[in-house]
């Protein structure tokens, strides 16, 4: 069977019998990947009674109807389960939390956004991490309370990854 290289979507070929079968299978795979939303983080076992159209991320050690399909995207259709092997960088959104999941370096990575900058309402609010700011020291003008507040602010900026 001829298929696309990226997501193994079946292709029609001249003289092929039962073209509707291959065409319908291609449509099911495309529907699974078109604006993919999954129900929950990766899991090893299929749900007991999935709804038609529901999709899931399969964890390693898949069991039951998912056995042998580790790390795939599983979508339940009227014809049963359809599995799509992820390609590097493919992304889905987890329905309940809205968190993104991406296939990176052979694992599903959840809740991580990668960017060079973050803009909100046209204004840049985050960019590349800046060098560390040293804690205050010495001097006779700054009192202990001010020094403690500055250290706390620096600690919060470090905790958020905004400075080293």
Protein backbone atom coordinates (compact mmCIF):
# COMPACT_ATOMS: atom_id res chain seq x y z
CA UNK A 1 0.00 0.00 0.00
CA UNK A 2 1.38 3.40 -0.94
CA UNK A 3 1.22 6.03 1.80
CA UNK A 4 2.55 9.43 2.74
CA UNK A 5 5.95 9.46 4.39
CA UNK A 6 5.06 11.72 7.26
CA UNK A 7 1.87 10.26 8.78
CA UNK A 8 1.35 7.10 6.70
CA UNK A 9 -1.89 8.36 5.16
CA UNK A 10 -2.99 5.83 2.50
CA UNK A 11 -2.75 6.99 -1.09
CA UNK A 12 -4.96 5.92 -3.96
CA UNK A 13 -3.23 4.28 -6.92
CA UNK A 14 -4.49 3.59 -10.45
CA UNK A 15 -6.45 0.36 -10.75
CA UNK A 16 -6.79 -0.03 -7.00
CA UNK A 17 -9.78 -2.02 -5.84
CA UNK A 18 -11.90 -0.90 -2.89
CA UNK A 19 -10.70 2.69 -3.18
CA UNK A 20 -13.37 3.81 -0.74
CA UNK A 21 -11.68 1.76 2.01
CA UNK A 22 -8.34 3.50 1.49
CA UNK A 23 -9.98 6.89 1.04
CA UNK A 24 -11.99 6.52 4.26
CA UNK A 25 -8.92 5.33 6.18
CA UNK A 26 -7.03 8.40 4.95
CA UNK A 27 -9.86 10.66 6.08
CA UNK A 28 -9.88 9.05 9.56
CA UNK A 29 -6.13 9.65 9.94
CA UNK A 30 -6.44 13.24 8.74
CA UNK A 31 -9.35 13.88 11.12
CA UNK A 32 -7.24 12.51 13.98
CA UNK A 33 -4.45 14.98 13.23
CA UNK A 34 -6.53 18.02 12.32
CA UNK A 35 -6.51 20.31 15.38
CA UNK A 36 -5.68 17.39 17.69
CA UNK A 37 -7.13 17.50 21.17
CA UNK A 38 -6.43 14.64 23.58
CA UNK A 39 -8.18 13.53 26.73
CA UNK A 40 -5.53 13.58 29.44
CA UNK A 41 -1.79 13.07 29.59
CA UNK A 42 -0.14 9.89 28.20
CA UNK A 43 -1.61 6.68 29.57
CA UNK A 44 -0.90 2.97 29.07
CA UNK A 45 -4.43 1.56 29.10
CA UNK A 46 -7.35 2.49 26.85
CA UNK A 47 -10.49 3.85 28.51
CA UNK A 48 -13.28 1.35 29.18
CA UNK A 49 -15.87 3.10 27.00
CA UNK A 50 -14.35 5.80 24.78
CA UNK A 51 -16.49 8.22 22.78
CA UNK A 52 -16.22 8.25 19.02
CA UNK A 53 -13.77 11.00 18.11
CA UNK A 54 -11.90 10.89 21.43
CA UNK A 55 -8.09 10.85 21.17
CA UNK A 56 -5.42 9.87 23.69
CA UNK A 57 -1.65 9.83 24.01
CA UNK A 58 -0.33 6.34 24.60
CA UNK A 59 2.49 5.96 27.13
CA UNK A 60 5.17 3.29 26.96
CA UNK A 61 4.05 -0.13 28.13
CA UNK A 62 0.71 0.07 26.32
CA UNK A 63 -1.76 -2.69 27.19
CA UNK A 64 -5.08 -4.07 25.99
CA UNK A 65 -6.28 -2.76 22.63
CA UNK A 66 -3.28 -0.40 22.61
CA UNK A 67 -0.59 -3.09 23.03
CA UNK A 68 2.23 -2.59 20.54
CA UNK A 69 1.38 1.07 19.93
CA UNK A 70 3.58 2.75 22.56
CA UNK A 71 3.79 6.55 22.24
CA UNK A 72 1.23 6.79 19.42
CA UNK A 73 -1.80 9.05 19.26
CA UNK A 74 -4.85 6.80 19.63
CA UNK A 75 -8.19 7.97 18.23
CA UNK A 76 -11.42 6.06 18.66
CA UNK A 77 -13.58 5.89 15.52
CA UNK A 78 -16.73 4.04 14.48
CA UNK A 79 -14.38 1.37 13.10
CA UNK A 80 -12.38 1.04 16.33
CA UNK A 81 -8.99 2.41 17.33
CA UNK A 82 -6.77 4.23 14.84
CA UNK A 83 -3.13 4.87 15.75
CA UNK A 84 -0.87 7.62 14.44
CA UNK A 85 2.86 7.48 15.10
CA UNK A 86 4.12 10.91 16.16
CA UNK A 87 6.83 12.73 14.22
CA UNK A 88 9.35 15.06 15.85
CA UNK A 89 7.66 18.29 16.95
CA UNK A 90 4.03 17.22 16.46
CA UNK A 91 1.80 18.85 19.05
CA UNK A 92 -1.56 18.26 20.66
CA UNK A 93 -3.58 20.06 23.34
CA UNK A 94 -4.92 18.35 26.44
CA UNK A 95 -8.64 19.09 26.54
CA UNK A 96 -9.23 19.72 30.26
CA UNK A 97 -6.11 21.70 31.19
CA UNK A 98 -5.40 23.32 27.82
CA UNK A 99 -1.75 22.37 28.20
CA UNK A 100 0.30 21.63 25.10
CA UNK A 101 2.00 18.26 24.59
CA UNK A 102 4.77 17.85 22.01
CA UNK A 103 6.66 14.81 20.76
CA UNK A 104 10.33 15.72 21.33
CA UNK A 105 13.34 13.44 21.20
CA UNK A 106 11.28 10.27 21.57
CA UNK A 107 9.04 11.31 24.48
CA UNK A 108 5.81 13.25 25.03
CA UNK A 109 6.69 16.56 26.71
CA UNK A 110 3.78 18.20 28.51
CA UNK A 111 3.17 21.77 29.62
CA UNK A 112 6.37 23.17 28.11
CA UNK A 113 6.32 26.15 25.76
CA UNK A 114 9.44 27.01 23.78
CA UNK A 115 9.92 30.51 22.42
CA UNK A 116 12.48 33.22 21.80
CA UNK A 117 10.24 35.96 23.18
CA UNK A 118 6.80 36.40 24.69
CA UNK A 119 4.67 39.33 23.57
CA UNK A 120 1.39 40.33 25.22
CA UNK A 121 -0.78 42.91 23.46
CA UNK A 122 2.14 43.79 21.21
CA UNK A 123 4.56 44.44 24.06
CA UNK A 124 7.56 42.20 24.70
CA UNK A 125 7.40 40.97 28.30
CA UNK A 126 9.93 38.13 28.22
CA UNK A 127 13.04 37.49 26.21
CA UNK A 128 16.31 35.64 26.60
CA UNK A 129 17.48 35.18 30.19
CA UNK A 130 19.74 37.99 31.39
CA UNK A 131 22.94 37.64 33.44
CA UNK A 132 22.75 37.15 37.19
CA UNK A 133 22.39 40.19 39.44
CA UNK A 134 24.52 39.88 42.56
CA UNK A 135 23.00 40.18 46.01
CA UNK A 136 23.64 43.53 47.72
CA UNK A 137 26.62 43.71 50.02
CA UNK A 138 28.63 46.32 51.92
CA UNK A 139 27.74 49.96 52.29
CA UNK A 140 26.34 51.77 55.28
CA UNK A 141 23.24 53.48 53.80
CA UNK A 142 21.11 50.42 52.96
CA UNK A 143 19.59 48.94 56.08
CA UNK A 144 18.94 45.27 56.82
CA UNK A 145 15.21 45.40 55.93
CA UNK A 146 15.86 46.90 52.48
CA UNK A 147 18.59 44.39 51.84
CA UNK A 148 16.19 41.54 52.73
CA UNK A 149 13.54 42.85 50.31
CA UNK A 150 16.07 43.16 47.49
CA UNK A 151 17.27 39.60 48.13
CA UNK A 152 13.65 38.37 48.07
CA UNK A 153 12.97 40.16 44.75
CA UNK A 154 16.13 38.70 43.24
CA UNK A 155 15.14 35.26 44.55
CA UNK A 156 11.72 35.51 42.90
CA UNK A 157 13.26 36.57 39.57
CA UNK A 158 15.66 33.61 39.77
CA UNK A 159 12.85 31.20 40.69
CA UNK A 160 10.92 32.30 37.61
CA UNK A 161 14.00 31.83 35.44
CA UNK A 162 14.14 35.47 34.45
CA UNK A 163 17.70 35.96 35.71
CA UNK A 164 20.54 33.58 36.55
